[in-house]
Amino acid sequence: QVQVLESGGGLVEPGGSLRLSCAASMRDFSINAGGWYRQGSGDERDMVASIAAGGTTDYADSVKGRFNIYRDFAKNVMYLEMNALKDEDTAVYYCYVEELRQGGGYIRGDFWGQGTQVTVST
């Protein structure tokens, strides 16, 4: 069973930055494809950013130009770098993983983390 672990959430002032990390429990495997969703209080869970196996990225309109999703294959971690944070970015952020890779081997599925809280406030 693959577990997904997020970290890096916290409290930040408007205009500040945070970097979220996502790693799979099978640490010998790289996160090849996946992304981030978020859910604010009383809201639906919405896509924030995704990265495909080939490296193509996609972002919600509300975060384009401010957020950056990328993979570090050396550390087997996927990151969400968040800049110029706004009050409306406050939410629980969830990492999901679609594909893990180790050499020529792959694990594909729909694996979700438990979420990490991001609060943007003065």
N, C-alpha and C. Protein backbone atom coordinates (compact mmCIF):
# COMPACT_ATOMS: atom_id res chain seq x y z
N GLN A 1 0.84 -1.18 0.00
CA GLN A 1 0.00 0.00 0.00
C GLN A 1 0.89 1.25 0.00
N VAL A 2 0.67 2.13 -0.94
CA VAL A 2 1.44 3.36 -1.03
C VAL A 2 0.80 4.41 -0.14
N GLN A 3 1.60 5.02 0.70
CA GLN A 3 1.13 6.15 1.50
C GLN A 3 1.79 7.41 0.98
N VAL A 4 1.04 8.50 1.04
CA VAL A 4 1.53 9.79 0.57
C VAL A 4 1.62 10.72 1.77
N LEU A 5 2.75 11.39 1.91
CA LEU A 5 3.01 12.21 3.08
C LEU A 5 3.29 13.64 2.64
N GLU A 6 2.47 14.57 3.15
CA GLU A 6 2.70 15.99 2.87
C GLU A 6 3.34 16.66 4.07
N SER A 7 4.05 17.74 3.81
CA SER A 7 4.60 18.56 4.88
C SER A 7 4.81 19.97 4.36
N GLY A 8 5.03 20.90 5.28
CA GLY A 8 5.37 22.25 4.88
C GLY A 8 4.28 23.29 5.08
N GLY A 9 3.10 22.85 5.49
CA GLY A 9 2.05 23.82 5.73
C GLY A 9 2.32 24.67 6.95
N GLY A 10 1.50 25.69 7.14
CA GLY A 10 1.66 26.55 8.30
C GLY A 10 0.95 27.86 8.13
N LEU A 11 1.29 28.80 8.99
CA LEU A 11 0.72 30.13 8.99
C LEU A 11 1.69 31.10 8.33
N VAL A 12 1.18 31.88 7.41
CA VAL A 12 2.03 32.84 6.70
C VAL A 12 1.23 34.11 6.48
N GLU A 13 1.89 35.24 6.45
CA GLU A 13 1.22 36.51 6.20
C GLU A 13 0.95 36.69 4.71
N PRO A 14 -0.04 37.47 4.38
CA PRO A 14 -0.30 37.76 2.96
C PRO A 14 0.95 38.31 2.28
N GLY A 15 1.20 37.81 1.07
CA GLY A 15 2.41 38.20 0.36
C GLY A 15 3.59 37.30 0.62
N GLY A 16 3.46 36.42 1.59
CA GLY A 16 4.56 35.53 1.93
C GLY A 16 4.61 34.30 1.06
N SER A 17 5.53 33.40 1.41
CA SER A 17 5.76 32.19 0.62
C SER A 17 5.82 30.96 1.52
N LEU A 18 5.44 29.84 0.95
CA LEU A 18 5.58 28.54 1.59
C LEU A 18 5.93 27.52 0.52
N ARG A 19 6.58 26.45 0.95
CA ARG A 19 6.84 25.36 0.03
C ARG A 19 6.32 24.06 0.66
N LEU A 20 5.39 23.43 -0.03
CA LEU A 20 4.85 22.15 0.42
C LEU A 20 5.65 21.01 -0.22
N SER A 21 5.82 19.96 0.55
CA SER A 21 6.53 18.78 0.06
C SER A 21 5.60 17.57 0.07
N CYS A 22 5.85 16.68 -0.85
CA CYS A 22 5.06 15.46 -0.95
C CYS A 22 6.00 14.31 -1.27
N ALA A 23 5.91 13.26 -0.48
CA ALA A 23 6.74 12.09 -0.71
C ALA A 23 5.90 10.84 -0.52
N ALA A 24 6.28 9.79 -1.22
CA ALA A 24 5.60 8.50 -1.08
C ALA A 24 6.33 7.66 -0.05
N SER A 25 5.59 6.74 0.57
CA SER A 25 6.17 5.89 1.59
C SER A 25 7.24 4.97 1.02
N MET A 26 7.12 4.65 -0.26
CA MET A 26 8.14 3.82 -0.93
C MET A 26 9.23 4.76 -1.44
N ARG A 27 10.16 5.09 -0.58
CA ARG A 27 11.10 6.17 -0.82
C ARG A 27 12.09 5.88 -1.93
N ASP A 28 12.19 4.62 -2.36
CA ASP A 28 13.06 4.32 -3.49
C ASP A 28 12.42 4.68 -4.82
N PHE A 29 11.14 5.05 -4.77
CA PHE A 29 10.41 5.39 -5.97
C PHE A 29 10.26 6.91 -6.08
N SER A 30 10.42 7.44 -7.28
CA SER A 30 10.20 8.85 -7.55
C SER A 30 8.73 9.09 -7.86
N ILE A 31 8.25 10.27 -7.50
CA ILE A 31 6.90 10.68 -7.93
C ILE A 31 7.02 11.19 -9.35
N ASN A 32 6.44 10.45 -10.26
CA ASN A 32 6.56 10.78 -11.68
C ASN A 32 5.42 11.67 -12.16
N ALA A 33 4.24 11.45 -11.62
CA ALA A 33 3.07 12.24 -12.01
C ALA A 33 2.15 12.40 -10.81
N GLY A 34 1.59 13.58 -10.67
CA GLY A 34 0.68 13.83 -9.55
C GLY A 34 0.36 15.31 -9.48
N GLY A 35 -0.01 15.75 -8.30
CA GLY A 35 -0.31 17.15 -8.16
C GLY A 35 -0.87 17.49 -6.80
N TRP A 36 -1.50 18.64 -6.74
CA TRP A 36 -2.04 19.18 -5.50
C TRP A 36 -3.47 19.67 -5.71
N TYR A 37 -4.29 19.38 -4.73
CA TYR A 37 -5.63 19.94 -4.63
C TYR A 37 -5.70 20.73 -3.33
N ARG A 38 -6.72 21.53 -3.19
CA ARG A 38 -6.95 22.22 -1.92
C ARG A 38 -8.44 22.32 -1.64
N GLN A 39 -8.75 22.42 -0.36
CA GLN A 39 -10.14 22.53 0.07
C GLN A 39 -10.22 23.53 1.20
N GLY A 40 -10.91 24.64 0.90
CA GLY A 40 -11.14 25.63 1.92
C GLY A 40 -12.37 25.27 2.74
N SER A 41 -12.58 25.98 3.83
CA SER A 41 -13.69 25.69 4.71
C SER A 41 -15.00 25.85 3.95
N GLY A 42 -15.80 24.81 3.90
CA GLY A 42 -17.08 24.85 3.23
C GLY A 42 -17.02 24.76 1.72
N ASP A 43 -15.82 24.61 1.18
CA ASP A 43 -15.67 24.56 -0.27
C ASP A 43 -15.45 23.13 -0.76
N GLU A 44 -15.55 22.97 -2.06
CA GLU A 44 -15.19 21.71 -2.68
C GLU A 44 -13.67 21.62 -2.81
N ARG A 45 -13.19 20.39 -3.03
CA ARG A 45 -11.77 20.19 -3.25
C ARG A 45 -11.46 20.53 -4.71
N ASP A 46 -10.58 21.48 -4.92
CA ASP A 46 -10.27 21.96 -6.27
C ASP A 46 -8.81 21.69 -6.62
N MET A 47 -8.57 21.46 -7.90
CA MET A 47 -7.22 21.26 -8.38
C MET A 47 -6.44 22.56 -8.29
N VAL A 48 -5.22 22.46 -7.82
CA VAL A 48 -4.33 23.62 -7.75
C VAL A 48 -3.25 23.53 -8.81
N ALA A 49 -2.58 22.39 -8.87
CA ALA A 49 -1.49 22.22 -9.83
C ALA A 49 -1.27 20.74 -10.08
N SER A 50 -0.80 20.43 -11.27
CA SER A 50 -0.49 19.05 -11.60
C SER A 50 0.75 19.00 -12.47
N ILE A 51 1.39 17.83 -12.44
CA ILE A 51 2.56 17.61 -13.29
C ILE A 51 2.45 16.22 -13.87
N ALA A 52 2.60 16.14 -15.18
CA ALA A 52 2.51 14.86 -15.87
C ALA A 52 3.87 14.18 -15.91
N ALA A 53 3.86 12.92 -16.33
CA ALA A 53 5.10 12.16 -16.37
C ALA A 53 6.15 12.82 -17.26
N GLY A 54 5.70 13.45 -18.32
CA GLY A 54 6.63 14.11 -19.23
C GLY A 54 7.08 15.48 -18.76
N GLY A 55 6.53 15.94 -17.64
CA GLY A 55 6.94 17.23 -17.10
C GLY A 55 5.97 18.37 -17.38
N THR A 56 4.94 18.12 -18.16
CA THR A 56 3.97 19.17 -18.45
C THR A 56 3.22 19.54 -17.18
N THR A 57 3.09 20.82 -16.92
CA THR A 57 2.40 21.29 -15.72
C THR A 57 1.11 22.01 -16.09
N ASP A 58 0.21 22.03 -15.13
CA ASP A 58 -1.07 22.71 -15.29
C ASP A 58 -1.41 23.36 -13.97
N TYR A 59 -2.03 24.53 -14.03
CA TYR A 59 -2.35 25.28 -12.83
C TYR A 59 -3.77 25.82 -12.89
N ALA A 60 -4.38 25.95 -11.73
CA ALA A 60 -5.63 26.67 -11.64
C ALA A 60 -5.36 28.13 -11.98
N ASP A 61 -6.34 28.76 -12.62
CA ASP A 61 -6.16 30.17 -13.01
C ASP A 61 -5.81 31.05 -11.81
N SER A 62 -6.36 30.73 -10.66
CA SER A 62 -6.18 31.56 -9.48
C SER A 62 -4.74 31.55 -8.94
N VAL A 63 -3.94 30.57 -9.35
CA VAL A 63 -2.57 30.48 -8.82
C VAL A 63 -1.50 30.63 -9.89
N LYS A 64 -1.92 30.76 -11.14
CA LYS A 64 -0.92 30.91 -12.21
C LYS A 64 -0.03 32.13 -11.97
N GLY A 65 1.26 31.91 -12.16
CA GLY A 65 2.21 32.99 -11.95
C GLY A 65 2.67 33.13 -10.52
N ARG A 66 1.98 32.44 -9.60
CA ARG A 66 2.36 32.53 -8.18
C ARG A 66 2.85 31.19 -7.64
N PHE A 67 2.29 30.10 -8.12
CA PHE A 67 2.65 28.77 -7.63
C PHE A 67 3.47 28.04 -8.68
N ASN A 68 4.32 27.14 -8.20
CA ASN A 68 5.17 26.35 -9.09
C ASN A 68 5.25 24.92 -8.56
N ILE A 69 4.89 23.98 -9.41
CA ILE A 69 4.99 22.56 -9.03
C ILE A 69 6.21 21.96 -9.73
N TYR A 70 6.97 21.19 -8.99
CA TYR A 70 8.14 20.56 -9.60
C TYR A 70 8.54 19.32 -8.81
N ARG A 71 9.35 18.49 -9.46
CA ARG A 71 9.81 17.24 -8.86
C ARG A 71 11.31 17.30 -8.62
N ASP A 72 11.74 16.72 -7.56
CA ASP A 72 13.17 16.54 -7.31
C ASP A 72 13.42 15.03 -7.33
N PHE A 73 13.94 14.53 -8.45
CA PHE A 73 14.13 13.09 -8.58
C PHE A 73 15.26 12.57 -7.69
N ALA A 74 16.17 13.45 -7.34
CA ALA A 74 17.26 13.02 -6.46
C ALA A 74 16.75 12.72 -5.06
N LYS A 75 15.73 13.47 -4.64
CA LYS A 75 15.17 13.30 -3.30
C LYS A 75 13.85 12.52 -3.33
N ASN A 76 13.34 12.26 -4.53
CA ASN A 76 12.05 11.57 -4.67
C ASN A 76 10.93 12.33 -3.98
N VAL A 77 10.91 13.62 -4.19
CA VAL A 77 9.92 14.50 -3.57
C VAL A 77 9.29 15.39 -4.65
N MET A 78 8.01 15.66 -4.49
CA MET A 78 7.31 16.62 -5.34
C MET A 78 6.99 17.84 -4.49
N TYR A 79 7.20 19.01 -5.03
CA TYR A 79 7.02 20.25 -4.29
C TYR A 79 5.93 21.13 -4.90
N LEU A 80 5.34 21.95 -4.06
CA LEU A 80 4.49 23.03 -4.50
C LEU A 80 5.03 24.30 -3.85
N GLU A 81 5.65 25.11 -4.66
CA GLU A 81 6.18 26.38 -4.18
C GLU A 81 5.10 27.44 -4.35
N MET A 82 4.76 28.11 -3.26
CA MET A 82 3.66 29.08 -3.27
C MET A 82 4.20 30.44 -2.89
N ASN A 83 4.02 31.41 -3.78
CA ASN A 83 4.50 32.76 -3.56
C ASN A 83 3.34 33.75 -3.62
N ALA A 84 3.59 34.94 -3.12
CA ALA A 84 2.59 36.00 -3.13
C ALA A 84 1.25 35.48 -2.61
N LEU A 85 1.29 34.83 -1.48
CA LEU A 85 0.09 34.18 -0.94
C LEU A 85 -0.97 35.20 -0.56
N LYS A 86 -2.22 34.80 -0.76
CA LYS A 86 -3.37 35.64 -0.47
C LYS A 86 -4.25 34.95 0.57
N ASP A 87 -5.11 35.75 1.19
CA ASP A 87 -6.04 35.18 2.17
C ASP A 87 -6.82 34.01 1.57
N GLU A 88 -7.22 34.16 0.33
CA GLU A 88 -8.05 33.13 -0.31
C GLU A 88 -7.30 31.84 -0.63
N ASP A 89 -6.00 31.83 -0.41
CA ASP A 89 -5.24 30.59 -0.57
C ASP A 89 -5.33 29.70 0.67
N THR A 90 -5.93 30.23 1.72
CA THR A 90 -6.10 29.45 2.95
C THR A 90 -6.94 28.21 2.67
N ALA A 91 -6.39 27.05 2.99
CA ALA A 91 -7.07 25.79 2.72
C ALA A 91 -6.23 24.64 3.26
N VAL A 92 -6.84 23.47 3.24
CA VAL A 92 -6.05 22.24 3.43
C VAL A 92 -5.57 21.80 2.05
N TYR A 93 -4.30 21.57 1.93
CA TYR A 93 -3.71 21.18 0.65
C TYR A 93 -3.41 19.69 0.66
N TYR A 94 -3.87 19.02 -0.39
CA TYR A 94 -3.71 17.58 -0.51
C TYR A 94 -2.82 17.25 -1.69
N CYS A 95 -1.89 16.38 -1.45
CA CYS A 95 -1.05 15.86 -2.52
C CYS A 95 -1.67 14.56 -3.04
N TYR A 96 -1.63 14.38 -4.36
CA TYR A 96 -2.03 13.10 -4.92
C TYR A 96 -0.94 12.61 -5.87
N VAL A 97 -0.81 11.33 -5.95
CA VAL A 97 0.21 10.70 -6.79
C VAL A 97 -0.46 9.73 -7.75
N GLU A 98 -0.14 9.87 -9.01
CA GLU A 98 -0.70 8.99 -10.05
C GLU A 98 0.30 7.93 -10.49
N GLU A 99 1.59 8.28 -10.43
CA GLU A 99 2.58 7.35 -10.94
C GLU A 99 3.89 7.49 -10.15
N LEU A 100 4.39 6.36 -9.72
CA LEU A 100 5.71 6.28 -9.11
C LEU A 100 6.63 5.51 -10.04
N ARG A 101 7.90 5.85 -10.04
CA ARG A 101 8.85 5.21 -10.93
C ARG A 101 10.13 4.85 -10.20
N GLN A 102 10.62 3.65 -10.50
CA GLN A 102 11.95 3.25 -10.05
C GLN A 102 12.60 2.50 -11.20
N GLY A 103 13.56 3.13 -11.82
CA GLY A 103 14.18 2.53 -12.98
C GLY A 103 13.15 2.31 -14.07
N GLY A 104 13.02 1.07 -14.54
CA GLY A 104 12.03 0.77 -15.55
C GLY A 104 10.70 0.31 -14.98
N GLY A 105 10.56 0.33 -13.67
CA GLY A 105 9.34 -0.12 -13.03
C GLY A 105 8.43 1.04 -12.63
N TYR A 106 7.12 0.79 -12.70
CA TYR A 106 6.14 1.83 -12.37
C TYR A 106 5.07 1.27 -11.43
N ILE A 107 4.57 2.16 -10.61
CA ILE A 107 3.37 1.89 -9.82
C ILE A 107 2.38 2.98 -10.16
N ARG A 108 1.21 2.60 -10.64
CA ARG A 108 0.20 3.59 -11.02
C ARG A 108 -1.05 3.40 -10.18
N GLY A 109 -1.65 4.49 -9.79
CA GLY A 109 -2.86 4.42 -8.99
C GLY A 109 -3.36 5.81 -8.68
N ASP A 110 -4.12 5.92 -7.61
CA ASP A 110 -4.70 7.19 -7.19
C ASP A 110 -4.48 7.29 -5.69
N PHE A 111 -3.32 7.81 -5.33
CA PHE A 111 -2.90 7.82 -3.93
C PHE A 111 -2.94 9.23 -3.39
N TRP A 112 -3.55 9.38 -2.22
CA TRP A 112 -3.77 10.70 -1.63
C TRP A 112 -3.15 10.79 -0.25
N GLY A 113 -2.66 11.99 0.07
CA GLY A 113 -2.18 12.26 1.40
C GLY A 113 -3.32 12.72 2.30
N GLN A 114 -2.99 12.95 3.56
CA GLN A 114 -3.97 13.35 4.56
C GLN A 114 -4.23 14.85 4.56
N GLY A 115 -3.38 15.60 3.90
CA GLY A 115 -3.57 17.04 3.82
C GLY A 115 -2.70 17.80 4.80
N THR A 116 -2.37 19.02 4.42
CA THR A 116 -1.61 19.91 5.30
C THR A 116 -2.25 21.29 5.24
N GLN A 117 -2.42 21.90 6.40
CA GLN A 117 -3.14 23.17 6.49
C GLN A 117 -2.22 24.33 6.12
N VAL A 118 -2.72 25.19 5.26
CA VAL A 118 -2.06 26.45 4.93
C VAL A 118 -3.01 27.57 5.33
N THR A 119 -2.54 28.46 6.18
CA THR A 119 -3.34 29.59 6.62
C THR A 119 -2.62 30.87 6.29
N VAL A 120 -3.28 31.73 5.52
CA VAL A 120 -2.71 33.02 5.14
C VAL A 120 -3.47 34.09 5.91
N SER A 121 -2.78 34.76 6.82
CA SER A 121 -3.45 35.72 7.69
C SER A 121 -2.42 36.63 8.34
N THR A 122 -2.87 37.84 8.68
CA THR A 122 -1.98 38.77 9.39
C THR A 122 -2.01 38.49 10.87
